[in-house]
Amino acid sequence: MPFLFKKLEIPEVIVIEPQSYNDERGFFVETYKYSDFKIAGISDDFIQDNHSKSVKGVIRGLHYQKSPKAQAKLVRCVQGEILDIAVDIRQDSPNYGKWVGVKLSSENRLMMYVPVGFAHGFAVISDTAEIMYKTSKEYSQENERGILWNDPKLNINWELSEPIISIKDTKLPTLKYIDNDFY
C-alpha cells in the first residue's frame, strides 16, 4: 500500500499520507511499513509505541531525549485534531531554532516523522485528542530534556488563547540554555 511522503520547510521532517481504502463498512489504512518508509529515507527501527489523550487547549512539549537515547518519532492523531510541532535543535544546522507545524487529525490521517535532533510538542485543537506515536529508542528519564513551550526566540504560534501546560513543562529552559548534544 503506497504512502505519500512530503518534506516540509525543514526537509528532515516529513509528513506521511497513507492511502485509505473506504467502503460502506468503514476504512482500512496501513500506518507503517518499514520497506516503504526506508525507500523514502526513514530507516529508523521503531521500538516503542506510546498513546496519549489530552483535552482541548493542552500543549505537551517541547520534548526530546539526549544521546545515547535520542528518539526519532512517528506521530499520528487517532481521535480529534492536534497541531504537531518539530523544532530543529541540531547546533550545526542552517535551520537551528526553526520550527515546522502540521495539523494531524483522525479525519486527515496524516502522520509526521520527527527525526533525532528535533524537539517535539503538540497542541490539542479539538475537544479531546488521542495521539499514538512510535519512537526509535525507549523512554529514558535520565536523558529526557525539553524547551520552554513559549520561548520568544522560537515564536511558535500554538493557535491557542489559553493553553494548559504541565508544571514540569513550565519549568523547562529556553533554547539558549538547553542541554543539547545534537550536531
N, C-alpha and C. Protein backbone atom coordinates (compact mmCIF):
# COMPACT_ATOMS: atom_id res chain seq x y z
N MET A 1 0.85 -1.17 0.00
CA MET A 1 0.00 0.00 0.00
C MET A 1 0.90 1.24 0.00
N PRO A 2 0.77 2.09 -0.96
CA PRO A 2 1.69 3.24 -1.06
C PRO A 2 1.37 4.35 -0.06
N PHE A 3 2.40 5.08 0.27
CA PHE A 3 2.31 6.26 1.11
C PHE A 3 2.79 7.44 0.29
N LEU A 4 2.30 8.63 0.59
CA LEU A 4 2.85 9.85 0.02
C LEU A 4 3.72 10.49 1.10
N PHE A 5 4.96 10.80 0.75
CA PHE A 5 5.91 11.39 1.67
C PHE A 5 6.20 12.82 1.20
N LYS A 6 5.99 13.80 2.07
CA LYS A 6 6.19 15.20 1.72
C LYS A 6 7.16 15.84 2.71
N LYS A 7 8.29 16.32 2.20
CA LYS A 7 9.24 17.02 3.05
C LYS A 7 8.72 18.43 3.33
N LEU A 8 8.93 18.88 4.54
CA LEU A 8 8.48 20.22 4.94
C LEU A 8 9.59 21.24 4.72
N GLU A 9 9.38 22.47 5.20
CA GLU A 9 10.37 23.53 5.03
C GLU A 9 11.72 23.14 5.65
N ILE A 10 11.68 22.37 6.71
CA ILE A 10 12.88 21.74 7.24
C ILE A 10 12.82 20.32 6.69
N PRO A 11 13.61 20.00 5.66
CA PRO A 11 13.38 18.79 4.87
C PRO A 11 13.52 17.46 5.61
N GLU A 12 14.16 17.44 6.76
CA GLU A 12 14.28 16.19 7.51
C GLU A 12 12.97 15.80 8.18
N VAL A 13 12.08 16.77 8.37
CA VAL A 13 10.76 16.50 8.95
C VAL A 13 9.82 16.19 7.78
N ILE A 14 9.15 15.05 7.87
CA ILE A 14 8.36 14.55 6.74
C ILE A 14 6.93 14.28 7.17
N VAL A 15 5.99 14.73 6.35
CA VAL A 15 4.58 14.39 6.56
C VAL A 15 4.26 13.19 5.68
N ILE A 16 3.59 12.22 6.25
CA ILE A 16 3.26 10.99 5.54
C ILE A 16 1.74 10.88 5.43
N GLU A 17 1.29 10.68 4.20
CA GLU A 17 -0.14 10.46 3.97
C GLU A 17 -0.34 9.02 3.53
N PRO A 18 -0.96 8.21 4.38
CA PRO A 18 -1.21 6.82 3.99
C PRO A 18 -2.43 6.74 3.07
N GLN A 19 -2.42 5.75 2.22
CA GLN A 19 -3.58 5.53 1.36
C GLN A 19 -4.68 4.87 2.18
N SER A 20 -5.89 5.36 2.03
CA SER A 20 -7.03 4.84 2.78
C SER A 20 -8.00 4.16 1.83
N TYR A 21 -8.44 2.99 2.24
CA TYR A 21 -9.46 2.25 1.48
C TYR A 21 -10.77 2.36 2.24
N ASN A 22 -11.74 3.04 1.63
CA ASN A 22 -13.03 3.31 2.27
C ASN A 22 -14.14 2.57 1.52
N ASP A 23 -15.09 2.06 2.27
CA ASP A 23 -16.30 1.50 1.67
C ASP A 23 -17.42 1.61 2.70
N GLU A 24 -18.54 0.97 2.44
CA GLU A 24 -19.70 1.09 3.32
C GLU A 24 -19.44 0.55 4.73
N ARG A 25 -18.42 -0.26 4.89
CA ARG A 25 -18.09 -0.83 6.21
C ARG A 25 -17.26 0.10 7.06
N GLY A 26 -16.56 1.03 6.41
CA GLY A 26 -15.64 1.91 7.12
C GLY A 26 -14.40 2.15 6.29
N PHE A 27 -13.23 1.99 6.91
CA PHE A 27 -11.97 2.19 6.18
C PHE A 27 -10.91 1.23 6.68
N PHE A 28 -9.87 1.10 5.84
CA PHE A 28 -8.67 0.36 6.20
C PHE A 28 -7.48 1.19 5.75
N VAL A 29 -6.47 1.29 6.61
CA VAL A 29 -5.27 2.04 6.27
C VAL A 29 -4.06 1.39 6.94
N GLU A 30 -2.99 1.24 6.17
CA GLU A 30 -1.71 0.84 6.77
C GLU A 30 -1.07 2.11 7.32
N THR A 31 -0.57 2.05 8.55
CA THR A 31 0.03 3.23 9.15
C THR A 31 1.55 3.18 9.16
N TYR A 32 2.12 2.02 8.89
CA TYR A 32 3.57 1.91 8.87
C TYR A 32 3.96 0.66 8.10
N LYS A 33 4.96 0.81 7.25
CA LYS A 33 5.52 -0.33 6.52
C LYS A 33 7.00 -0.03 6.31
N TYR A 34 7.85 -0.77 6.99
CA TYR A 34 9.29 -0.48 7.01
C TYR A 34 9.87 -0.31 5.60
N SER A 35 9.53 -1.20 4.69
CA SER A 35 10.13 -1.15 3.35
C SER A 35 9.77 0.14 2.62
N ASP A 36 8.53 0.59 2.70
CA ASP A 36 8.13 1.84 2.05
C ASP A 36 8.80 3.04 2.72
N PHE A 37 8.85 3.03 4.04
CA PHE A 37 9.48 4.14 4.75
C PHE A 37 10.98 4.20 4.45
N LYS A 38 11.63 3.05 4.36
CA LYS A 38 13.06 3.02 4.07
C LYS A 38 13.35 3.61 2.70
N ILE A 39 12.54 3.28 1.71
CA ILE A 39 12.70 3.85 0.36
C ILE A 39 12.59 5.37 0.42
N ALA A 40 11.74 5.89 1.31
CA ALA A 40 11.54 7.33 1.45
C ALA A 40 12.61 7.99 2.33
N GLY A 41 13.57 7.21 2.83
CA GLY A 41 14.65 7.76 3.63
C GLY A 41 14.44 7.69 5.13
N ILE A 42 13.40 7.01 5.57
CA ILE A 42 13.12 6.85 7.00
C ILE A 42 13.42 5.40 7.36
N SER A 43 14.60 5.17 7.91
CA SER A 43 15.01 3.79 8.17
C SER A 43 15.16 3.48 9.66
N ASP A 44 14.59 4.31 10.51
CA ASP A 44 14.65 4.07 11.95
C ASP A 44 13.99 2.75 12.30
N ASP A 45 14.53 2.09 13.31
CA ASP A 45 13.88 0.91 13.89
C ASP A 45 13.02 1.42 15.04
N PHE A 46 11.73 1.45 14.84
CA PHE A 46 10.83 1.92 15.90
C PHE A 46 10.61 0.79 16.89
N ILE A 47 10.88 1.07 18.18
CA ILE A 47 10.87 0.01 19.19
C ILE A 47 9.92 0.24 20.35
N GLN A 48 9.27 1.40 20.39
CA GLN A 48 8.31 1.66 21.46
C GLN A 48 7.13 2.42 20.88
N ASP A 49 5.92 2.07 21.30
CA ASP A 49 4.71 2.79 20.91
C ASP A 49 4.13 3.47 22.14
N ASN A 50 3.65 4.71 21.96
CA ASN A 50 3.04 5.48 23.04
C ASN A 50 1.66 5.95 22.60
N HIS A 51 0.77 6.13 23.56
CA HIS A 51 -0.59 6.58 23.29
C HIS A 51 -0.96 7.57 24.38
N SER A 52 -1.40 8.78 23.98
CA SER A 52 -1.82 9.76 24.98
C SER A 52 -3.15 10.37 24.59
N LYS A 53 -3.89 10.81 25.61
CA LYS A 53 -5.14 11.52 25.39
C LYS A 53 -5.05 12.83 26.16
N SER A 54 -5.52 13.90 25.52
CA SER A 54 -5.49 15.22 26.14
C SER A 54 -6.75 15.98 25.79
N VAL A 55 -7.07 16.97 26.61
CA VAL A 55 -8.25 17.81 26.37
C VAL A 55 -7.86 19.07 25.60
N LYS A 56 -8.86 19.75 25.08
CA LYS A 56 -8.65 20.96 24.29
C LYS A 56 -7.81 21.97 25.07
N GLY A 57 -6.85 22.55 24.38
CA GLY A 57 -6.01 23.58 24.98
C GLY A 57 -4.71 23.07 25.56
N VAL A 58 -4.56 21.78 25.69
CA VAL A 58 -3.32 21.22 26.25
C VAL A 58 -2.18 21.37 25.24
N ILE A 59 -1.04 21.79 25.75
CA ILE A 59 0.22 21.74 24.99
C ILE A 59 1.12 20.78 25.73
N ARG A 60 1.63 19.78 25.01
CA ARG A 60 2.63 18.85 25.56
C ARG A 60 3.92 19.11 24.80
N GLY A 61 4.96 19.41 25.53
CA GLY A 61 6.25 19.64 24.88
C GLY A 61 6.82 20.98 25.28
N LEU A 62 7.90 21.24 24.74
CA LEU A 62 8.65 20.61 23.65
C LEU A 62 9.67 19.65 24.24
N HIS A 63 9.62 18.38 23.85
CA HIS A 63 10.42 17.34 24.48
C HIS A 63 11.40 16.70 23.50
N TYR A 64 12.50 16.20 24.06
CA TYR A 64 13.47 15.39 23.31
C TYR A 64 14.28 14.59 24.32
N GLN A 65 15.02 13.63 23.81
CA GLN A 65 15.95 12.87 24.65
C GLN A 65 17.35 13.02 24.08
N LYS A 66 18.32 13.18 24.99
CA LYS A 66 19.72 13.27 24.59
C LYS A 66 20.27 11.90 24.19
N SER A 67 21.38 11.91 23.48
CA SER A 67 22.11 10.68 23.18
C SER A 67 22.62 10.10 24.49
N PRO A 68 22.69 8.82 24.64
CA PRO A 68 22.53 7.79 23.61
C PRO A 68 21.09 7.30 23.45
N LYS A 69 20.13 8.00 24.05
CA LYS A 69 18.72 7.58 23.99
C LYS A 69 17.88 8.52 23.12
N ALA A 70 18.53 9.27 22.22
CA ALA A 70 17.81 10.20 21.35
C ALA A 70 16.78 9.45 20.51
N GLN A 71 15.60 10.05 20.38
CA GLN A 71 14.48 9.38 19.73
C GLN A 71 14.06 10.08 18.43
N ALA A 72 13.83 9.28 17.40
CA ALA A 72 13.03 9.72 16.27
C ALA A 72 11.60 9.32 16.61
N LYS A 73 10.62 10.07 16.08
CA LYS A 73 9.22 9.78 16.38
C LYS A 73 8.40 9.76 15.09
N LEU A 74 7.40 8.90 15.08
CA LEU A 74 6.41 8.87 14.02
C LEU A 74 5.06 9.08 14.70
N VAL A 75 4.47 10.26 14.50
CA VAL A 75 3.31 10.72 15.26
C VAL A 75 2.05 10.71 14.39
N ARG A 76 0.94 10.23 14.97
CA ARG A 76 -0.36 10.32 14.29
C ARG A 76 -1.45 10.57 15.31
N CYS A 77 -2.49 11.24 14.88
CA CYS A 77 -3.63 11.55 15.74
C CYS A 77 -4.75 10.60 15.36
N VAL A 78 -5.20 9.79 16.31
CA VAL A 78 -6.22 8.77 16.02
C VAL A 78 -7.62 9.21 16.42
N GLN A 79 -7.71 10.29 17.18
CA GLN A 79 -9.02 10.86 17.56
C GLN A 79 -8.83 12.34 17.78
N GLY A 80 -9.65 13.17 17.13
CA GLY A 80 -9.56 14.61 17.30
C GLY A 80 -8.54 15.25 16.37
N GLU A 81 -7.99 16.40 16.81
CA GLU A 81 -7.05 17.15 15.98
C GLU A 81 -6.00 17.83 16.85
N ILE A 82 -4.77 17.81 16.38
CA ILE A 82 -3.66 18.47 17.06
C ILE A 82 -2.86 19.31 16.06
N LEU A 83 -2.13 20.27 16.60
CA LEU A 83 -1.10 20.96 15.84
C LEU A 83 0.21 20.35 16.32
N ASP A 84 0.89 19.63 15.44
CA ASP A 84 2.12 18.92 15.79
C ASP A 84 3.31 19.79 15.40
N ILE A 85 4.27 19.94 16.30
CA ILE A 85 5.39 20.86 16.12
C ILE A 85 6.72 20.12 16.25
N ALA A 86 7.66 20.42 15.36
CA ALA A 86 9.04 19.92 15.45
C ALA A 86 9.98 21.12 15.38
N VAL A 87 10.94 21.18 16.32
CA VAL A 87 11.91 22.27 16.38
C VAL A 87 13.30 21.68 16.14
N ASP A 88 14.02 22.24 15.17
CA ASP A 88 15.37 21.79 14.86
C ASP A 88 16.33 22.28 15.95
N ILE A 89 16.95 21.33 16.66
CA ILE A 89 17.91 21.70 17.71
C ILE A 89 19.31 21.16 17.41
N ARG A 90 19.56 20.85 16.14
CA ARG A 90 20.91 20.43 15.74
C ARG A 90 21.76 21.70 15.63
N GLN A 91 22.78 21.79 16.48
CA GLN A 91 23.53 23.04 16.63
C GLN A 91 24.25 23.50 15.36
N ASP A 92 24.57 22.59 14.47
CA ASP A 92 25.27 22.99 13.23
C ASP A 92 24.32 23.08 12.03
N SER A 93 23.03 23.01 12.27
CA SER A 93 22.04 23.03 11.19
C SER A 93 21.74 24.46 10.75
N PRO A 94 21.57 24.67 9.45
CA PRO A 94 21.13 26.00 9.00
C PRO A 94 19.72 26.33 9.47
N ASN A 95 18.98 25.33 9.94
CA ASN A 95 17.61 25.53 10.43
C ASN A 95 17.53 25.51 11.96
N TYR A 96 18.68 25.63 12.64
CA TYR A 96 18.70 25.59 14.10
C TYR A 96 17.73 26.63 14.67
N GLY A 97 16.86 26.18 15.57
CA GLY A 97 15.91 27.07 16.22
C GLY A 97 14.66 27.34 15.41
N LYS A 98 14.57 26.80 14.21
CA LYS A 98 13.37 26.96 13.40
C LYS A 98 12.42 25.80 13.67
N TRP A 99 11.14 26.03 13.42
CA TRP A 99 10.13 25.02 13.68
C TRP A 99 9.20 24.87 12.49
N VAL A 100 8.57 23.71 12.42
CA VAL A 100 7.51 23.44 11.45
C VAL A 100 6.35 22.83 12.21
N GLY A 101 5.15 23.06 11.69
CA GLY A 101 3.96 22.53 12.33
C GLY A 101 2.97 22.03 11.29
N VAL A 102 2.28 20.96 11.64
CA VAL A 102 1.28 20.35 10.75
C VAL A 102 0.09 19.94 11.60
N LYS A 103 -1.10 20.16 11.05
CA LYS A 103 -2.30 19.67 11.73
C LYS A 103 -2.50 18.21 11.38
N LEU A 104 -2.54 17.39 12.43
CA LEU A 104 -2.79 15.96 12.29
C LEU A 104 -4.16 15.69 12.90
N SER A 105 -4.95 14.87 12.24
CA SER A 105 -6.28 14.58 12.77
C SER A 105 -6.73 13.18 12.39
N SER A 106 -7.79 12.75 13.07
CA SER A 106 -8.37 11.46 12.72
C SER A 106 -9.04 11.55 11.35
N GLU A 107 -9.39 12.74 10.92
CA GLU A 107 -10.00 12.92 9.60
C GLU A 107 -8.98 12.85 8.47
N ASN A 108 -7.86 13.60 8.61
CA ASN A 108 -6.88 13.63 7.51
C ASN A 108 -5.90 12.45 7.55
N ARG A 109 -5.80 11.78 8.68
CA ARG A 109 -4.94 10.59 8.86
C ARG A 109 -3.46 10.83 8.54
N LEU A 110 -3.04 12.09 8.50
CA LEU A 110 -1.64 12.38 8.24
C LEU A 110 -0.79 11.97 9.44
N MET A 111 0.49 11.70 9.16
CA MET A 111 1.46 11.40 10.20
C MET A 111 2.65 12.33 10.02
N MET A 112 3.40 12.57 11.09
CA MET A 112 4.60 13.39 10.96
C MET A 112 5.79 12.61 11.52
N TYR A 113 6.85 12.56 10.71
CA TYR A 113 8.11 11.96 11.12
C TYR A 113 8.99 13.07 11.69
N VAL A 114 9.41 12.89 12.95
CA VAL A 114 10.27 13.83 13.64
C VAL A 114 11.60 13.11 13.90
N PRO A 115 12.67 13.48 13.18
CA PRO A 115 13.94 12.76 13.34
C PRO A 115 14.67 13.12 14.63
N VAL A 116 15.70 12.35 14.92
CA VAL A 116 16.62 12.66 16.01
C VAL A 116 17.19 14.05 15.76
N GLY A 117 17.36 14.82 16.84
CA GLY A 117 17.89 16.17 16.70
C GLY A 117 16.81 17.23 16.66
N PHE A 118 15.58 16.83 16.96
CA PHE A 118 14.45 17.75 16.97
C PHE A 118 13.70 17.61 18.29
N ALA A 119 13.22 18.75 18.81
CA ALA A 119 12.30 18.73 19.94
C ALA A 119 10.89 18.61 19.36
N HIS A 120 10.01 17.97 20.10
CA HIS A 120 8.65 17.71 19.61
C HIS A 120 7.62 18.14 20.64
N GLY A 121 6.51 18.67 20.15
CA GLY A 121 5.39 19.02 21.00
C GLY A 121 4.12 19.10 20.18
N PHE A 122 2.99 19.18 20.87
CA PHE A 122 1.73 19.34 20.15
C PHE A 122 0.72 20.09 21.00
N ALA A 123 -0.22 20.73 20.30
CA ALA A 123 -1.33 21.44 20.94
C ALA A 123 -2.63 20.78 20.51
N VAL A 124 -3.55 20.59 21.45
CA VAL A 124 -4.84 19.98 21.15
C VAL A 124 -5.83 21.06 20.72
N ILE A 125 -6.34 20.92 19.51
CA ILE A 125 -7.25 21.89 18.93
C ILE A 125 -8.71 21.47 19.12
N SER A 126 -8.99 20.19 19.08
CA SER A 126 -10.35 19.67 19.23
C SER A 126 -10.69 19.51 20.72
N ASP A 127 -11.93 19.12 21.01
CA ASP A 127 -12.36 18.96 22.41
C ASP A 127 -11.47 17.98 23.17
N THR A 128 -11.11 16.88 22.54
CA THR A 128 -10.12 15.94 23.06
C THR A 128 -9.33 15.43 21.86
N ALA A 129 -8.18 14.86 22.13
CA ALA A 129 -7.39 14.24 21.06
C ALA A 129 -6.59 13.09 21.65
N GLU A 130 -6.47 12.05 20.85
CA GLU A 130 -5.61 10.93 21.21
C GLU A 130 -4.55 10.82 20.13
N ILE A 131 -3.31 10.73 20.57
CA ILE A 131 -2.23 10.52 19.61
C ILE A 131 -1.52 9.22 19.94
N MET A 132 -1.02 8.61 18.89
CA MET A 132 -0.19 7.42 19.01
C MET A 132 1.10 7.73 18.27
N TYR A 133 2.21 7.37 18.88
CA TYR A 133 3.47 7.60 18.19
C TYR A 133 4.49 6.52 18.51
N LYS A 134 5.28 6.25 17.50
CA LYS A 134 6.36 5.29 17.60
C LYS A 134 7.64 6.05 17.93
N THR A 135 8.54 5.41 18.69
CA THR A 135 9.84 6.00 18.96
C THR A 135 10.94 5.01 18.62
N SER A 136 12.09 5.56 18.26
CA SER A 136 13.21 4.72 17.86
C SER A 136 14.08 4.28 19.04
N LYS A 137 13.85 4.85 20.20
CA LYS A 137 14.52 4.43 21.44
C LYS A 137 13.47 4.41 22.55
N GLU A 138 13.72 3.62 23.55
CA GLU A 138 12.81 3.56 24.69
C GLU A 138 12.92 4.85 25.51
N TYR A 139 11.87 5.14 26.25
CA TYR A 139 11.87 6.31 27.13
C TYR A 139 12.99 6.18 28.15
N SER A 140 13.69 7.29 28.39
CA SER A 140 14.78 7.33 29.36
C SER A 140 14.65 8.61 30.18
N GLN A 141 14.22 8.47 31.42
CA GLN A 141 14.04 9.64 32.27
C GLN A 141 15.34 10.42 32.42
N GLU A 142 16.46 9.71 32.55
CA GLU A 142 17.73 10.42 32.76
C GLU A 142 18.18 11.20 31.53
N ASN A 143 17.69 10.85 30.34
CA ASN A 143 18.06 11.55 29.11
C ASN A 143 16.97 12.50 28.61
N GLU A 144 15.84 12.54 29.31
CA GLU A 144 14.72 13.40 28.91
C GLU A 144 15.09 14.87 29.12
N ARG A 145 14.79 15.68 28.11
CA ARG A 145 15.04 17.11 28.16
C ARG A 145 13.90 17.84 27.48
N GLY A 146 13.94 19.16 27.50
CA GLY A 146 12.89 19.92 26.83
C GLY A 146 13.23 21.38 26.69
N ILE A 147 12.36 22.08 25.97
CA ILE A 147 12.47 23.52 25.74
C ILE A 147 11.15 24.15 26.17
N LEU A 148 11.23 25.31 26.77
CA LEU A 148 10.04 26.03 27.19
C LEU A 148 9.12 26.27 26.00
N TRP A 149 7.86 25.90 26.15
CA TRP A 149 6.87 25.93 25.06
C TRP A 149 6.70 27.32 24.45
N ASN A 150 6.85 28.38 25.26
CA ASN A 150 6.62 29.73 24.76
C ASN A 150 7.90 30.56 24.66
N ASP A 151 9.02 29.90 24.39
CA ASP A 151 10.30 30.59 24.20
C ASP A 151 10.13 31.67 23.13
N PRO A 152 10.37 32.94 23.47
CA PRO A 152 10.18 34.01 22.49
C PRO A 152 11.09 33.89 21.27
N LYS A 153 12.25 33.26 21.43
CA LYS A 153 13.14 33.08 20.28
C LYS A 153 12.52 32.15 19.24
N LEU A 154 11.79 31.14 19.70
CA LEU A 154 11.13 30.21 18.78
C LEU A 154 9.88 30.83 18.16
N ASN A 155 9.14 31.60 18.96
CA ASN A 155 7.93 32.29 18.48
C ASN A 155 6.95 31.34 17.81
N ILE A 156 6.64 30.25 18.47
CA ILE A 156 5.70 29.26 17.91
C ILE A 156 4.27 29.75 18.07
N ASN A 157 3.52 29.69 17.00
CA ASN A 157 2.09 30.01 17.04
C ASN A 157 1.33 28.72 17.33
N TRP A 158 0.98 28.52 18.58
CA TRP A 158 0.30 27.29 19.00
C TRP A 158 -1.19 27.31 18.68
N GLU A 159 -1.70 28.44 18.24
CA GLU A 159 -3.11 28.60 17.86
C GLU A 159 -4.07 28.39 19.03
N LEU A 160 -3.61 28.71 20.24
CA LEU A 160 -4.43 28.59 21.44
C LEU A 160 -4.38 29.90 22.22
N SER A 161 -5.53 30.31 22.77
CA SER A 161 -5.55 31.55 23.55
C SER A 161 -5.24 31.30 25.03
N GLU A 162 -5.67 30.17 25.57
CA GLU A 162 -5.43 29.86 26.97
C GLU A 162 -4.90 28.43 27.11
N PRO A 163 -3.61 28.22 26.83
CA PRO A 163 -3.08 26.86 26.87
C PRO A 163 -3.01 26.28 28.28
N ILE A 164 -3.10 24.96 28.33
CA ILE A 164 -2.96 24.21 29.58
C ILE A 164 -1.61 23.51 29.52
N ILE A 165 -0.73 23.85 30.45
CA ILE A 165 0.65 23.37 30.44
C ILE A 165 0.94 22.66 31.76
N SER A 166 1.66 21.54 31.70
CA SER A 166 2.04 20.86 32.94
C SER A 166 3.05 21.70 33.71
N ILE A 167 3.08 21.54 35.01
CA ILE A 167 4.06 22.25 35.84
C ILE A 167 5.48 21.93 35.35
N LYS A 168 5.71 20.67 35.04
CA LYS A 168 7.03 20.24 34.56
C LYS A 168 7.43 21.01 33.30
N ASP A 169 6.49 21.18 32.35
CA ASP A 169 6.82 21.86 31.10
C ASP A 169 6.99 23.37 31.28
N THR A 170 6.38 23.95 32.32
CA THR A 170 6.57 25.39 32.55
C THR A 170 7.95 25.71 33.12
N LYS A 171 8.65 24.68 33.58
CA LYS A 171 9.98 24.88 34.18
C LYS A 171 11.13 24.55 33.22
N LEU A 172 10.80 24.24 31.96
CA LEU A 172 11.85 23.90 31.00
C LEU A 172 12.63 25.16 30.60
N PRO A 173 13.90 25.00 30.22
CA PRO A 173 14.69 26.17 29.82
C PRO A 173 14.34 26.64 28.40
N THR A 174 14.76 27.85 28.09
CA THR A 174 14.63 28.35 26.72
C THR A 174 15.72 27.68 25.87
N LEU A 175 15.58 27.82 24.56
CA LEU A 175 16.52 27.21 23.61
C LEU A 175 17.96 27.57 23.95
N LYS A 176 18.18 28.79 24.34
CA LYS A 176 19.54 29.26 24.63
C LYS A 176 20.22 28.44 25.74
N TYR A 177 19.44 27.87 26.64
CA TYR A 177 20.00 27.20 27.81
C TYR A 177 19.76 25.69 27.86
N ILE A 178 19.32 25.10 26.76
CA ILE A 178 19.03 23.66 26.80
C ILE A 178 20.32 22.83 26.86
N ASP A 179 20.18 21.65 27.42
CA ASP A 179 21.24 20.63 27.46
C ASP A 179 21.11 19.84 26.16
N ASN A 180 22.01 20.10 25.23
CA ASN A 180 21.83 19.64 23.86
C ASN A 180 23.13 19.08 23.30
N ASP A 181 23.10 17.83 22.86
CA ASP A 181 24.28 17.22 22.28
C ASP A 181 24.11 16.86 20.81
N PHE A 182 23.22 17.56 20.11
CA PHE A 182 22.96 17.25 18.69
C PHE A 182 23.75 18.15 17.77
N TYR A 183 24.42 17.52 16.79
CA TYR A 183 25.16 18.24 15.74
C TYR A 183 24.84 17.62 14.42
